[in-house]
Amino acid sequence: MKKIVIFLFTVLIFVQILDAGDFTQADRERLIRLEATLNMFMKNTDKRFEDMRNYMDKRFDDMNKRFDQLYTFLWIIVGIFTTLTLGVIGFAYWDRRTIIRRAKEETIEQLEKEGKLKQLIEAMKELAKSDSKVAEVLRQFNLL
C-alpha cells in the first residue's frame, strides 16, 4: 500500500511537472520537500497502523483471558452443583435407610410387647409348667 501511494503521488507530481514545461530549481526544492513530507506521512501512517495492530492484539488477548476466566467460573459452578446434588441424594438414601431400620425395630418391639407372639410365649410357659419336654425346648431358646 505504501508503494502504491508513493507511486500515485509521484505520477501526480510528474504530470504537473510535464504540464509546467520548465523545471526550475524552485520546482526541484519543492519536489524534495514534497518527497520528504510524503515519506514522513508514510512513516506516521505505518506507525499508526502498527499501534492499532498492537492495540487490537492486546484487546484480543484481554478478551481471551476473560473467556478463560468465565469458563473456569462455569466449571466451578458445575462442580458445586454436582457436589450438592450428590450430597442431597446421599442424605436422602441414608435418611430412608435409617427410617426403615428404626420402623422395623419399633414394629418388632410392638409385636413382642403387645402382639400374639407375646401371648403365645406366655401360653408356652404355662404349658411348660406341666410338660417337661416343652420346658426343655423353651430353655433351649432362652425363652424360659
N, C-alpha and C. Protein backbone atom coordinates (compact mmCIF):
# COMPACT_ATOMS: atom_id res chain seq x y z
N MET A 1 0.83 -1.18 0.00
CA MET A 1 0.00 0.00 0.00
C MET A 1 0.88 1.25 0.00
N LYS A 2 1.94 1.20 0.75
CA LYS A 2 2.86 2.32 0.83
C LYS A 2 3.43 2.64 -0.55
N LYS A 3 3.79 1.59 -1.27
CA LYS A 3 4.38 1.79 -2.61
C LYS A 3 3.36 2.37 -3.58
N ILE A 4 2.13 1.94 -3.42
CA ILE A 4 1.08 2.44 -4.32
C ILE A 4 0.85 3.93 -4.08
N VAL A 5 0.82 4.33 -2.82
CA VAL A 5 0.60 5.75 -2.50
C VAL A 5 1.77 6.59 -3.02
N ILE A 6 2.99 6.12 -2.81
CA ILE A 6 4.16 6.86 -3.31
C ILE A 6 4.11 6.95 -4.83
N PHE A 7 3.77 5.86 -5.48
CA PHE A 7 3.68 5.85 -6.94
C PHE A 7 2.64 6.86 -7.43
N LEU A 8 1.47 6.88 -6.77
CA LEU A 8 0.42 7.82 -7.20
C LEU A 8 0.85 9.28 -7.01
N PHE A 9 1.47 9.58 -5.90
CA PHE A 9 1.96 10.95 -5.68
C PHE A 9 3.04 11.32 -6.68
N THR A 10 3.92 10.35 -6.97
CA THR A 10 4.98 10.62 -7.93
C THR A 10 4.40 10.87 -9.32
N VAL A 11 3.44 10.07 -9.73
CA VAL A 11 2.80 10.26 -11.03
C VAL A 11 2.11 11.62 -11.07
N LEU A 12 1.45 11.97 -9.99
CA LEU A 12 0.76 13.27 -9.92
C LEU A 12 1.76 14.42 -10.06
N ILE A 13 2.86 14.31 -9.41
CA ILE A 13 3.89 15.35 -9.49
C ILE A 13 4.47 15.42 -10.90
N PHE A 14 4.78 14.28 -11.50
CA PHE A 14 5.33 14.29 -12.85
C PHE A 14 4.34 14.87 -13.86
N VAL A 15 3.09 14.58 -13.69
CA VAL A 15 2.07 15.13 -14.59
C VAL A 15 2.07 16.65 -14.49
N GLN A 16 2.16 17.17 -13.25
CA GLN A 16 2.18 18.63 -13.09
C GLN A 16 3.47 19.23 -13.64
N ILE A 17 4.56 18.49 -13.47
CA ILE A 17 5.84 18.99 -13.99
C ILE A 17 5.80 19.04 -15.51
N LEU A 18 5.28 18.00 -16.13
CA LEU A 18 5.20 17.98 -17.59
C LEU A 18 4.28 19.07 -18.11
N ASP A 19 3.24 19.37 -17.37
CA ASP A 19 2.35 20.45 -17.77
C ASP A 19 3.03 21.80 -17.61
N ALA A 20 3.89 21.92 -16.64
CA ALA A 20 4.51 23.22 -16.36
C ALA A 20 5.50 23.60 -17.46
N GLY A 21 6.13 22.64 -18.04
CA GLY A 21 7.07 22.97 -19.11
C GLY A 21 8.48 23.08 -18.58
N ASP A 22 8.86 24.20 -18.00
CA ASP A 22 10.21 24.41 -17.49
C ASP A 22 10.30 23.87 -16.06
N PHE A 23 11.43 23.21 -15.78
CA PHE A 23 11.67 22.63 -14.46
C PHE A 23 12.78 23.45 -13.82
N THR A 24 12.41 24.31 -12.85
CA THR A 24 13.37 25.23 -12.24
C THR A 24 13.91 24.65 -10.95
N GLN A 25 14.86 25.38 -10.36
CA GLN A 25 15.45 24.99 -9.07
C GLN A 25 14.39 25.01 -7.98
N ALA A 26 13.50 25.95 -8.01
CA ALA A 26 12.42 26.04 -7.02
C ALA A 26 11.51 24.81 -7.12
N ASP A 27 11.27 24.36 -8.36
CA ASP A 27 10.45 23.15 -8.54
C ASP A 27 11.15 21.94 -7.93
N ARG A 28 12.47 21.87 -8.14
CA ARG A 28 13.23 20.75 -7.57
C ARG A 28 13.16 20.78 -6.04
N GLU A 29 13.33 21.96 -5.46
CA GLU A 29 13.28 22.09 -4.00
C GLU A 29 11.89 21.73 -3.48
N ARG A 30 10.88 22.19 -4.19
CA ARG A 30 9.51 21.86 -3.81
C ARG A 30 9.28 20.35 -3.91
N LEU A 31 9.81 19.74 -4.95
CA LEU A 31 9.68 18.30 -5.12
C LEU A 31 10.39 17.55 -3.99
N ILE A 32 11.56 18.02 -3.58
CA ILE A 32 12.30 17.39 -2.48
C ILE A 32 11.52 17.53 -1.18
N ARG A 33 10.96 18.74 -0.93
CA ARG A 33 10.15 18.95 0.28
C ARG A 33 8.91 18.05 0.27
N LEU A 34 8.30 17.97 -0.92
CA LEU A 34 7.11 17.12 -1.06
C LEU A 34 7.45 15.66 -0.79
N GLU A 35 8.59 15.22 -1.33
CA GLU A 35 9.01 13.84 -1.10
C GLU A 35 9.30 13.60 0.38
N ALA A 36 9.96 14.55 1.06
CA ALA A 36 10.25 14.42 2.49
C ALA A 36 8.94 14.38 3.28
N THR A 37 8.00 15.26 2.91
CA THR A 37 6.71 15.28 3.60
C THR A 37 5.97 13.97 3.38
N LEU A 38 6.04 13.48 2.15
CA LEU A 38 5.37 12.21 1.82
C LEU A 38 5.99 11.06 2.61
N ASN A 39 7.30 11.02 2.71
CA ASN A 39 7.97 9.97 3.49
C ASN A 39 7.58 10.05 4.96
N MET A 40 7.52 11.28 5.51
CA MET A 40 7.12 11.47 6.90
C MET A 40 5.67 11.01 7.10
N PHE A 41 4.81 11.36 6.13
CA PHE A 41 3.42 10.94 6.19
C PHE A 41 3.31 9.42 6.19
N MET A 42 4.09 8.76 5.34
CA MET A 42 4.05 7.30 5.25
C MET A 42 4.57 6.66 6.54
N LYS A 43 5.64 7.24 7.11
CA LYS A 43 6.15 6.71 8.38
C LYS A 43 5.11 6.85 9.49
N ASN A 44 4.47 8.02 9.54
CA ASN A 44 3.43 8.23 10.55
C ASN A 44 2.26 7.28 10.34
N THR A 45 1.90 7.06 9.07
CA THR A 45 0.80 6.14 8.78
C THR A 45 1.17 4.72 9.19
N ASP A 46 2.37 4.30 8.87
CA ASP A 46 2.83 2.96 9.27
C ASP A 46 2.83 2.81 10.78
N LYS A 47 3.29 3.86 11.46
CA LYS A 47 3.34 3.83 12.92
C LYS A 47 1.93 3.73 13.48
N ARG A 48 0.98 4.46 12.93
CA ARG A 48 -0.40 4.41 13.41
C ARG A 48 -1.01 3.04 13.17
N PHE A 49 -0.73 2.44 12.00
CA PHE A 49 -1.25 1.10 11.74
C PHE A 49 -0.63 0.09 12.70
N GLU A 50 0.65 0.22 12.96
CA GLU A 50 1.33 -0.67 13.90
C GLU A 50 0.75 -0.51 15.30
N ASP A 51 0.55 0.73 15.72
CA ASP A 51 -0.06 0.98 17.03
C ASP A 51 -1.46 0.38 17.11
N MET A 52 -2.23 0.53 16.04
CA MET A 52 -3.60 -0.02 16.01
C MET A 52 -3.55 -1.55 16.07
N ARG A 53 -2.62 -2.15 15.35
CA ARG A 53 -2.48 -3.61 15.37
C ARG A 53 -2.11 -4.09 16.78
N ASN A 54 -1.16 -3.39 17.41
CA ASN A 54 -0.77 -3.76 18.77
C ASN A 54 -1.93 -3.61 19.75
N TYR A 55 -2.70 -2.54 19.59
CA TYR A 55 -3.86 -2.31 20.45
C TYR A 55 -4.90 -3.42 20.27
N MET A 56 -5.16 -3.80 19.01
CA MET A 56 -6.14 -4.85 18.76
C MET A 56 -5.65 -6.20 19.28
N ASP A 57 -4.35 -6.48 19.15
CA ASP A 57 -3.80 -7.72 19.69
C ASP A 57 -3.97 -7.77 21.20
N LYS A 58 -3.71 -6.65 21.85
CA LYS A 58 -3.86 -6.56 23.30
C LYS A 58 -5.32 -6.79 23.69
N ARG A 59 -6.24 -6.19 22.97
CA ARG A 59 -7.66 -6.36 23.27
C ARG A 59 -8.10 -7.81 23.09
N PHE A 60 -7.61 -8.46 22.02
CA PHE A 60 -7.96 -9.87 21.81
C PHE A 60 -7.40 -10.74 22.92
N ASP A 61 -6.17 -10.45 23.36
CA ASP A 61 -5.59 -11.20 24.48
C ASP A 61 -6.41 -11.00 25.75
N ASP A 62 -6.84 -9.76 26.00
CA ASP A 62 -7.67 -9.48 27.16
C ASP A 62 -8.99 -10.24 27.09
N MET A 63 -9.59 -10.28 25.91
CA MET A 63 -10.86 -11.00 25.75
C MET A 63 -10.65 -12.51 25.94
N ASN A 64 -9.55 -13.04 25.44
CA ASN A 64 -9.25 -14.46 25.63
C ASN A 64 -9.10 -14.79 27.11
N LYS A 65 -8.40 -13.92 27.84
CA LYS A 65 -8.25 -14.13 29.28
C LYS A 65 -9.61 -14.09 29.97
N ARG A 66 -10.45 -13.18 29.56
CA ARG A 66 -11.78 -13.05 30.18
C ARG A 66 -12.62 -14.30 29.90
N PHE A 67 -12.57 -14.82 28.67
CA PHE A 67 -13.30 -16.05 28.36
C PHE A 67 -12.76 -17.22 29.18
N ASP A 68 -11.44 -17.29 29.36
CA ASP A 68 -10.86 -18.34 30.18
C ASP A 68 -11.37 -18.25 31.62
N GLN A 69 -11.46 -17.03 32.14
CA GLN A 69 -11.99 -16.83 33.49
C GLN A 69 -13.44 -17.28 33.57
N LEU A 70 -14.23 -16.96 32.55
CA LEU A 70 -15.64 -17.36 32.56
C LEU A 70 -15.80 -18.87 32.50
N TYR A 71 -14.99 -19.53 31.67
CA TYR A 71 -15.05 -20.99 31.59
C TYR A 71 -14.64 -21.62 32.93
N THR A 72 -13.62 -21.08 33.57
CA THR A 72 -13.20 -21.58 34.87
C THR A 72 -14.34 -21.41 35.88
N PHE A 73 -14.98 -20.25 35.87
CA PHE A 73 -16.09 -20.00 36.78
C PHE A 73 -17.24 -20.97 36.52
N LEU A 74 -17.55 -21.24 35.26
CA LEU A 74 -18.62 -22.18 34.94
C LEU A 74 -18.28 -23.59 35.43
N TRP A 75 -17.03 -24.01 35.30
CA TRP A 75 -16.63 -25.33 35.79
C TRP A 75 -16.77 -25.39 37.31
N ILE A 76 -16.44 -24.30 37.99
CA ILE A 76 -16.60 -24.27 39.44
C ILE A 76 -18.07 -24.41 39.81
N ILE A 77 -18.94 -23.69 39.10
CA ILE A 77 -20.38 -23.77 39.36
C ILE A 77 -20.89 -25.19 39.11
N VAL A 78 -20.44 -25.82 38.02
CA VAL A 78 -20.86 -27.20 37.73
C VAL A 78 -20.39 -28.15 38.84
N GLY A 79 -19.18 -27.96 39.32
CA GLY A 79 -18.66 -28.79 40.40
C GLY A 79 -19.47 -28.63 41.68
N ILE A 80 -19.80 -27.39 42.01
CA ILE A 80 -20.60 -27.14 43.22
C ILE A 80 -21.98 -27.78 43.08
N PHE A 81 -22.61 -27.59 41.92
CA PHE A 81 -23.94 -28.17 41.70
C PHE A 81 -23.91 -29.69 41.79
N THR A 82 -22.90 -30.31 41.19
CA THR A 82 -22.77 -31.76 41.25
C THR A 82 -22.58 -32.24 42.68
N THR A 83 -21.73 -31.55 43.43
CA THR A 83 -21.50 -31.92 44.82
C THR A 83 -22.77 -31.81 45.64
N LEU A 84 -23.50 -30.71 45.46
CA LEU A 84 -24.76 -30.55 46.19
C LEU A 84 -25.77 -31.64 45.83
N THR A 85 -25.88 -31.94 44.55
CA THR A 85 -26.82 -32.97 44.12
C THR A 85 -26.47 -34.32 44.72
N LEU A 86 -25.20 -34.70 44.65
CA LEU A 86 -24.79 -35.97 45.23
C LEU A 86 -24.98 -35.99 46.74
N GLY A 87 -24.72 -34.86 47.39
CA GLY A 87 -24.93 -34.77 48.83
C GLY A 87 -26.39 -34.96 49.21
N VAL A 88 -27.29 -34.32 48.46
CA VAL A 88 -28.73 -34.45 48.74
C VAL A 88 -29.20 -35.89 48.50
N ILE A 89 -28.76 -36.49 47.40
CA ILE A 89 -29.14 -37.87 47.12
C ILE A 89 -28.60 -38.81 48.20
N GLY A 90 -27.36 -38.62 48.61
CA GLY A 90 -26.76 -39.44 49.68
C GLY A 90 -27.50 -39.27 50.99
N PHE A 91 -27.84 -38.04 51.33
CA PHE A 91 -28.58 -37.79 52.57
C PHE A 91 -29.95 -38.45 52.52
N ALA A 92 -30.65 -38.34 51.39
CA ALA A 92 -31.98 -38.96 51.25
C ALA A 92 -31.87 -40.48 51.40
N TYR A 93 -30.87 -41.09 50.78
CA TYR A 93 -30.68 -42.53 50.89
C TYR A 93 -30.41 -42.94 52.33
N TRP A 94 -29.49 -42.22 52.99
CA TRP A 94 -29.16 -42.52 54.37
C TRP A 94 -30.38 -42.35 55.27
N ASP A 95 -31.14 -41.28 55.05
CA ASP A 95 -32.32 -40.99 55.87
C ASP A 95 -33.36 -42.09 55.69
N ARG A 96 -33.63 -42.50 54.47
CA ARG A 96 -34.61 -43.55 54.22
C ARG A 96 -34.18 -44.87 54.87
N ARG A 97 -32.92 -45.20 54.73
CA ARG A 97 -32.41 -46.43 55.32
C ARG A 97 -32.55 -46.41 56.83
N THR A 98 -32.24 -45.27 57.44
CA THR A 98 -32.35 -45.13 58.89
C THR A 98 -33.80 -45.22 59.34
N ILE A 99 -34.67 -44.55 58.62
CA ILE A 99 -36.09 -44.57 58.99
C ILE A 99 -36.66 -45.99 58.87
N ILE A 100 -36.32 -46.70 57.82
CA ILE A 100 -36.83 -48.06 57.62
C ILE A 100 -36.30 -48.99 58.72
N ARG A 101 -35.03 -48.88 59.06
CA ARG A 101 -34.45 -49.73 60.12
C ARG A 101 -35.13 -49.44 61.46
N ARG A 102 -35.32 -48.17 61.76
CA ARG A 102 -35.98 -47.80 63.02
C ARG A 102 -37.43 -48.28 63.04
N ALA A 103 -38.11 -48.18 61.89
CA ALA A 103 -39.50 -48.64 61.82
C ALA A 103 -39.58 -50.15 62.06
N LYS A 104 -38.63 -50.90 61.51
CA LYS A 104 -38.61 -52.35 61.73
C LYS A 104 -38.42 -52.67 63.21
N GLU A 105 -37.46 -51.98 63.83
CA GLU A 105 -37.20 -52.22 65.25
C GLU A 105 -38.43 -51.90 66.09
N GLU A 106 -39.06 -50.78 65.81
CA GLU A 106 -40.26 -50.41 66.58
C GLU A 106 -41.39 -51.41 66.35
N THR A 107 -41.54 -51.89 65.13
CA THR A 107 -42.59 -52.87 64.84
C THR A 107 -42.34 -54.17 65.59
N ILE A 108 -41.10 -54.62 65.58
CA ILE A 108 -40.76 -55.85 66.30
C ILE A 108 -40.99 -55.68 67.79
N GLU A 109 -40.57 -54.54 68.35
CA GLU A 109 -40.81 -54.27 69.77
C GLU A 109 -42.30 -54.27 70.08
N GLN A 110 -43.06 -53.64 69.23
CA GLN A 110 -44.51 -53.56 69.42
C GLN A 110 -45.13 -54.95 69.37
N LEU A 111 -44.69 -55.77 68.41
CA LEU A 111 -45.24 -57.13 68.32
C LEU A 111 -44.85 -57.96 69.53
N GLU A 112 -43.62 -57.81 69.99
CA GLU A 112 -43.19 -58.56 71.16
C GLU A 112 -43.93 -58.11 72.41
N LYS A 113 -44.20 -56.85 72.49
CA LYS A 113 -44.82 -56.29 73.68
C LYS A 113 -46.31 -56.62 73.75
N GLU A 114 -47.01 -56.40 72.66
CA GLU A 114 -48.47 -56.47 72.70
C GLU A 114 -49.06 -57.50 71.75
N GLY A 115 -48.31 -58.09 70.93
CA GLY A 115 -48.87 -58.92 69.88
C GLY A 115 -49.15 -60.34 70.31
N LYS A 116 -49.60 -61.13 69.38
CA LYS A 116 -49.94 -62.54 69.59
C LYS A 116 -48.70 -63.35 69.94
N LEU A 117 -47.54 -62.91 69.49
CA LEU A 117 -46.31 -63.63 69.80
C LEU A 117 -46.06 -63.63 71.30
N LYS A 118 -46.30 -62.51 71.93
CA LYS A 118 -46.13 -62.42 73.38
C LYS A 118 -47.11 -63.37 74.08
N GLN A 119 -48.32 -63.39 73.62
CA GLN A 119 -49.32 -64.28 74.21
C GLN A 119 -48.96 -65.74 73.98
N LEU A 120 -48.42 -66.05 72.81
CA LEU A 120 -48.02 -67.41 72.51
C LEU A 120 -46.90 -67.87 73.45
N ILE A 121 -45.92 -66.98 73.68
CA ILE A 121 -44.82 -67.33 74.59
C ILE A 121 -45.35 -67.54 76.01
N GLU A 122 -46.27 -66.69 76.43
CA GLU A 122 -46.85 -66.85 77.76
C GLU A 122 -47.60 -68.19 77.86
N ALA A 123 -48.30 -68.52 76.79
CA ALA A 123 -49.03 -69.79 76.79
C ALA A 123 -48.06 -70.97 76.86
N MET A 124 -46.97 -70.86 76.13
CA MET A 124 -45.97 -71.94 76.15
C MET A 124 -45.32 -72.07 77.53
N LYS A 125 -45.11 -70.96 78.24
CA LYS A 125 -44.55 -71.00 79.59
C LYS A 125 -45.51 -71.70 80.55
N GLU A 126 -46.80 -71.44 80.41
CA GLU A 126 -47.80 -72.10 81.24
C GLU A 126 -47.81 -73.60 80.95
N LEU A 127 -47.68 -73.94 79.68
CA LEU A 127 -47.66 -75.35 79.30
C LEU A 127 -46.40 -76.02 79.82
N ALA A 128 -45.30 -75.27 79.87
CA ALA A 128 -44.02 -75.82 80.32
C ALA A 128 -44.07 -76.20 81.80
N LYS A 129 -44.95 -75.58 82.56
CA LYS A 129 -45.06 -75.91 83.98
C LYS A 129 -45.55 -77.34 84.17
N SER A 130 -46.33 -77.81 83.24
CA SER A 130 -46.87 -79.16 83.38
C SER A 130 -46.18 -80.17 82.45
N ASP A 131 -45.50 -79.70 81.40
CA ASP A 131 -44.86 -80.60 80.44
C ASP A 131 -43.36 -80.32 80.42
N SER A 132 -42.55 -81.30 80.77
CA SER A 132 -41.10 -81.11 80.86
C SER A 132 -40.45 -80.98 79.47
N LYS A 133 -41.01 -81.63 78.46
CA LYS A 133 -40.44 -81.50 77.11
C LYS A 133 -40.58 -80.07 76.59
N VAL A 134 -41.70 -79.45 76.82
CA VAL A 134 -41.92 -78.06 76.40
C VAL A 134 -41.00 -77.13 77.17
N ALA A 135 -40.78 -77.40 78.45
CA ALA A 135 -39.89 -76.59 79.28
C ALA A 135 -38.46 -76.68 78.76
N GLU A 136 -38.07 -77.91 78.40
CA GLU A 136 -36.71 -78.10 77.88
C GLU A 136 -36.51 -77.33 76.56
N VAL A 137 -37.48 -77.34 75.68
CA VAL A 137 -37.39 -76.61 74.39
C VAL A 137 -37.34 -75.11 74.64
N LEU A 138 -38.13 -74.61 75.55
CA LEU A 138 -38.13 -73.17 75.85
C LEU A 138 -36.80 -72.73 76.46
N ARG A 139 -36.21 -73.59 77.32
CA ARG A 139 -34.89 -73.26 77.88
C ARG A 139 -33.83 -73.25 76.78
N GLN A 140 -33.95 -74.11 75.83
CA GLN A 140 -33.00 -74.20 74.73
C GLN A 140 -32.99 -72.89 73.92
N PHE A 141 -34.09 -72.24 73.78
CA PHE A 141 -34.20 -70.99 73.02
C PHE A 141 -34.24 -69.75 73.93
N ASN A 142 -33.86 -69.95 75.20
CA ASN A 142 -33.78 -68.86 76.18
C ASN A 142 -35.11 -68.11 76.31
N LEU A 143 -36.16 -68.82 76.28
CA LEU A 143 -37.48 -68.20 76.47
C LEU A 143 -38.03 -68.46 77.87
N LEU A 144 -37.39 -69.30 78.64
CA LEU A 144 -37.87 -69.63 79.98
C LEU A 144 -36.84 -69.27 81.01
